[in-house]
Amino acid sequence: MRIEGQENFSSKPGVIWEALHDAETLKACIPGCKEIEQPRKTSVKATVERKIALMPFTVSTQVDFVDRVPFQSFALARKDSKLATVQMEKTAEGGTALKYVLETELGGAAAKLGQSAIEPMARSILTEFFTNLRARLG
């Protein structure tokens, strides 16, 4: 499954960068995040609970920030497999244009539901995440 998008923020790239690397901000913004810890500035361990098609899911995983170019780009990886890439550019108005690409193979229960069921939910979760991030940044 591949999802691409762009989000625009009034905040500068450095503010967005710091927010996306801060465990408390991530916990507040990730829909269904029950707990999160940050063993290193370049890694988070999170537990997320969601219902997908009326089925409850709990996912606990560690995600690493790799290929980091401060205030410009990074990738998210799990077990040496990239999950997403993020690029940030300063806009003419002084804000940030954040572009992302998520790529993953569906497995387990998600594969049984199929991409046509999972993709709209994933997009909805992304929308909720970015809405929460904007609210947190003020």
Protein backbone atom coordinates (compact mmCIF):
# COMPACT_ATOMS: atom_id res chain seq x y z
CA MET A 1 0.00 0.00 0.00
CA ARG A 2 1.32 3.43 -0.92
CA ILE A 3 -0.06 6.74 0.32
CA GLU A 4 1.39 10.12 -0.66
CA GLY A 5 0.37 13.55 0.54
CA GLN A 6 1.31 17.07 1.45
CA GLU A 7 0.38 19.11 4.50
CA ASN A 8 1.02 22.82 4.90
CA PHE A 9 1.76 24.44 8.24
CA SER A 10 2.18 28.06 9.29
CA SER A 11 5.04 26.99 11.62
CA LYS A 12 8.67 27.02 10.50
CA PRO A 13 10.36 23.73 9.49
CA GLY A 14 12.40 23.65 12.72
CA VAL A 15 9.22 23.73 14.82
CA ILE A 16 7.65 20.93 12.78
CA TRP A 17 10.88 18.90 12.96
CA GLU A 18 11.04 19.17 16.75
CA ALA A 19 7.34 18.29 17.12
CA LEU A 20 7.70 15.18 14.96
CA HIS A 21 10.66 14.02 17.06
CA ASP A 22 9.04 14.63 20.47
CA ALA A 23 7.40 11.66 22.23
CA GLU A 24 4.80 13.71 24.12
CA THR A 25 3.73 15.53 20.96
CA LEU A 26 3.49 12.25 19.07
CA LYS A 27 1.43 10.67 21.85
CA ALA A 28 -0.99 13.59 21.76
CA CYS A 29 -1.28 13.49 17.96
CA ILE A 30 -1.29 9.79 17.03
CA PRO A 31 -4.90 8.59 17.11
CA GLY A 32 -5.30 5.77 19.62
CA CYS A 33 -1.79 6.09 21.09
CA LYS A 34 -1.95 4.63 24.60
CA GLU A 35 1.70 4.86 25.54
CA ILE A 36 4.95 6.00 24.05
CA GLU A 37 8.55 6.10 25.15
CA GLN A 38 11.60 7.54 23.51
CA PRO A 39 14.72 5.51 24.34
CA ARG A 40 16.74 7.75 21.98
CA LYS A 41 16.01 11.00 20.13
CA THR A 42 16.02 8.92 16.95
CA SER A 43 13.59 6.23 18.10
CA VAL A 44 10.12 5.81 19.65
CA LYS A 45 8.29 2.78 21.03
CA ALA A 46 4.54 3.14 20.91
CA THR A 47 1.39 1.17 21.66
CA VAL A 48 -1.63 2.13 19.59
CA GLU A 49 -5.17 0.79 19.97
CA ARG A 50 -7.69 1.20 17.13
CA LYS A 51 -10.82 -0.40 15.82
CA ILE A 52 -10.68 -1.26 12.16
CA ALA A 53 -13.88 -2.57 10.60
CA LEU A 54 -15.23 -3.18 14.13
CA MET A 55 -12.20 -5.33 14.98
CA PRO A 56 -10.01 -4.07 17.83
CA PHE A 57 -6.29 -3.91 17.04
CA THR A 58 -3.40 -3.24 19.38
CA VAL A 59 -0.02 -2.58 17.82
CA SER A 60 3.18 -2.17 19.82
CA THR A 61 6.26 -1.36 17.82
CA GLN A 62 9.49 0.59 17.72
CA VAL A 63 10.05 3.05 14.90
CA ASP A 64 13.42 4.61 14.14
CA PHE A 65 14.08 7.98 12.53
CA VAL A 66 16.71 7.31 9.84
CA ASP A 67 18.30 9.21 6.93
CA ARG A 68 17.92 12.39 8.96
CA VAL A 69 18.75 15.77 7.46
CA PRO A 70 17.75 18.16 10.27
CA PHE A 71 14.84 20.45 9.46
CA GLN A 72 14.60 19.01 5.93
CA SER A 73 13.90 15.28 5.77
CA PHE A 74 13.85 11.91 7.49
CA ALA A 75 12.51 8.41 7.03
CA LEU A 76 10.68 6.16 9.46
CA ALA A 77 11.90 2.57 9.62
CA ARG A 78 11.02 -0.58 11.50
CA LYS A 79 13.41 -3.51 11.58
CA ASP A 80 15.54 -2.13 8.71
CA SER A 81 12.48 -1.62 6.51
CA LYS A 82 11.49 1.94 5.60
CA LEU A 83 7.85 2.73 6.27
CA ALA A 84 7.71 6.37 5.29
CA THR A 85 9.71 9.31 4.03
CA VAL A 86 9.10 12.91 5.05
CA GLN A 87 10.41 16.05 3.36
CA MET A 88 9.96 19.58 4.66
CA GLU A 89 10.46 22.82 2.77
CA LYS A 90 10.08 26.38 3.94
CA THR A 91 7.26 28.13 2.11
CA ALA A 92 7.37 31.68 0.72
CA GLU A 93 5.13 32.70 3.64
CA GLY A 94 7.64 31.30 6.17
CA GLY A 95 5.67 28.18 7.00
CA THR A 96 6.35 24.56 6.08
CA ALA A 97 5.25 22.32 3.25
CA LEU A 98 5.53 18.74 4.52
CA LYS A 99 5.46 15.99 1.89
CA TYR A 100 5.18 12.35 2.89
CA VAL A 101 5.15 8.92 1.27
CA LEU A 102 4.07 5.85 3.23
CA GLU A 103 4.72 2.39 1.84
CA THR A 104 3.94 -0.87 3.54
CA GLU A 105 2.96 -4.43 2.83
CA LEU A 106 -0.23 -5.52 4.51
CA GLY A 107 0.07 -8.63 6.64
CA GLY A 108 -1.93 -10.59 9.19
CA ALA A 109 -5.45 -9.39 9.94
CA ALA A 110 -4.93 -6.24 7.84
CA ALA A 111 -4.19 -8.37 4.77
CA LYS A 112 -7.42 -10.28 5.34
CA LEU A 113 -9.37 -7.02 5.28
CA GLY A 114 -7.60 -5.95 2.10
CA GLN A 115 -6.13 -2.71 0.84
CA SER A 116 -9.50 -1.36 -0.29
CA ALA A 117 -10.66 -1.44 3.35
CA ILE A 118 -7.40 -0.40 4.99
CA GLU A 119 -6.33 2.51 2.76
CA PRO A 120 -9.32 4.80 3.52
CA MET A 121 -8.82 4.14 7.24
CA ALA A 122 -5.10 4.89 6.96
CA ARG A 123 -5.89 8.17 5.19
CA SER A 124 -8.41 9.02 7.91
CA ILE A 125 -5.81 8.34 10.62
CA LEU A 126 -3.31 10.58 8.79
CA THR A 127 -5.89 13.36 8.56
CA GLU A 128 -6.60 13.06 12.28
CA PHE A 129 -2.88 13.04 13.09
CA PHE A 130 -2.21 16.25 11.14
CA THR A 131 -5.33 17.92 12.57
CA ASN A 132 -4.09 17.08 16.08
CA LEU A 133 -0.59 18.35 15.24
CA ARG A 134 -1.94 21.67 13.98
CA ALA A 135 -4.04 22.07 17.15
CA ARG A 136 -1.04 21.25 19.35
CA LEU A 137 1.19 23.75 17.56
CA GLY A 138 -1.45 26.43 17.93
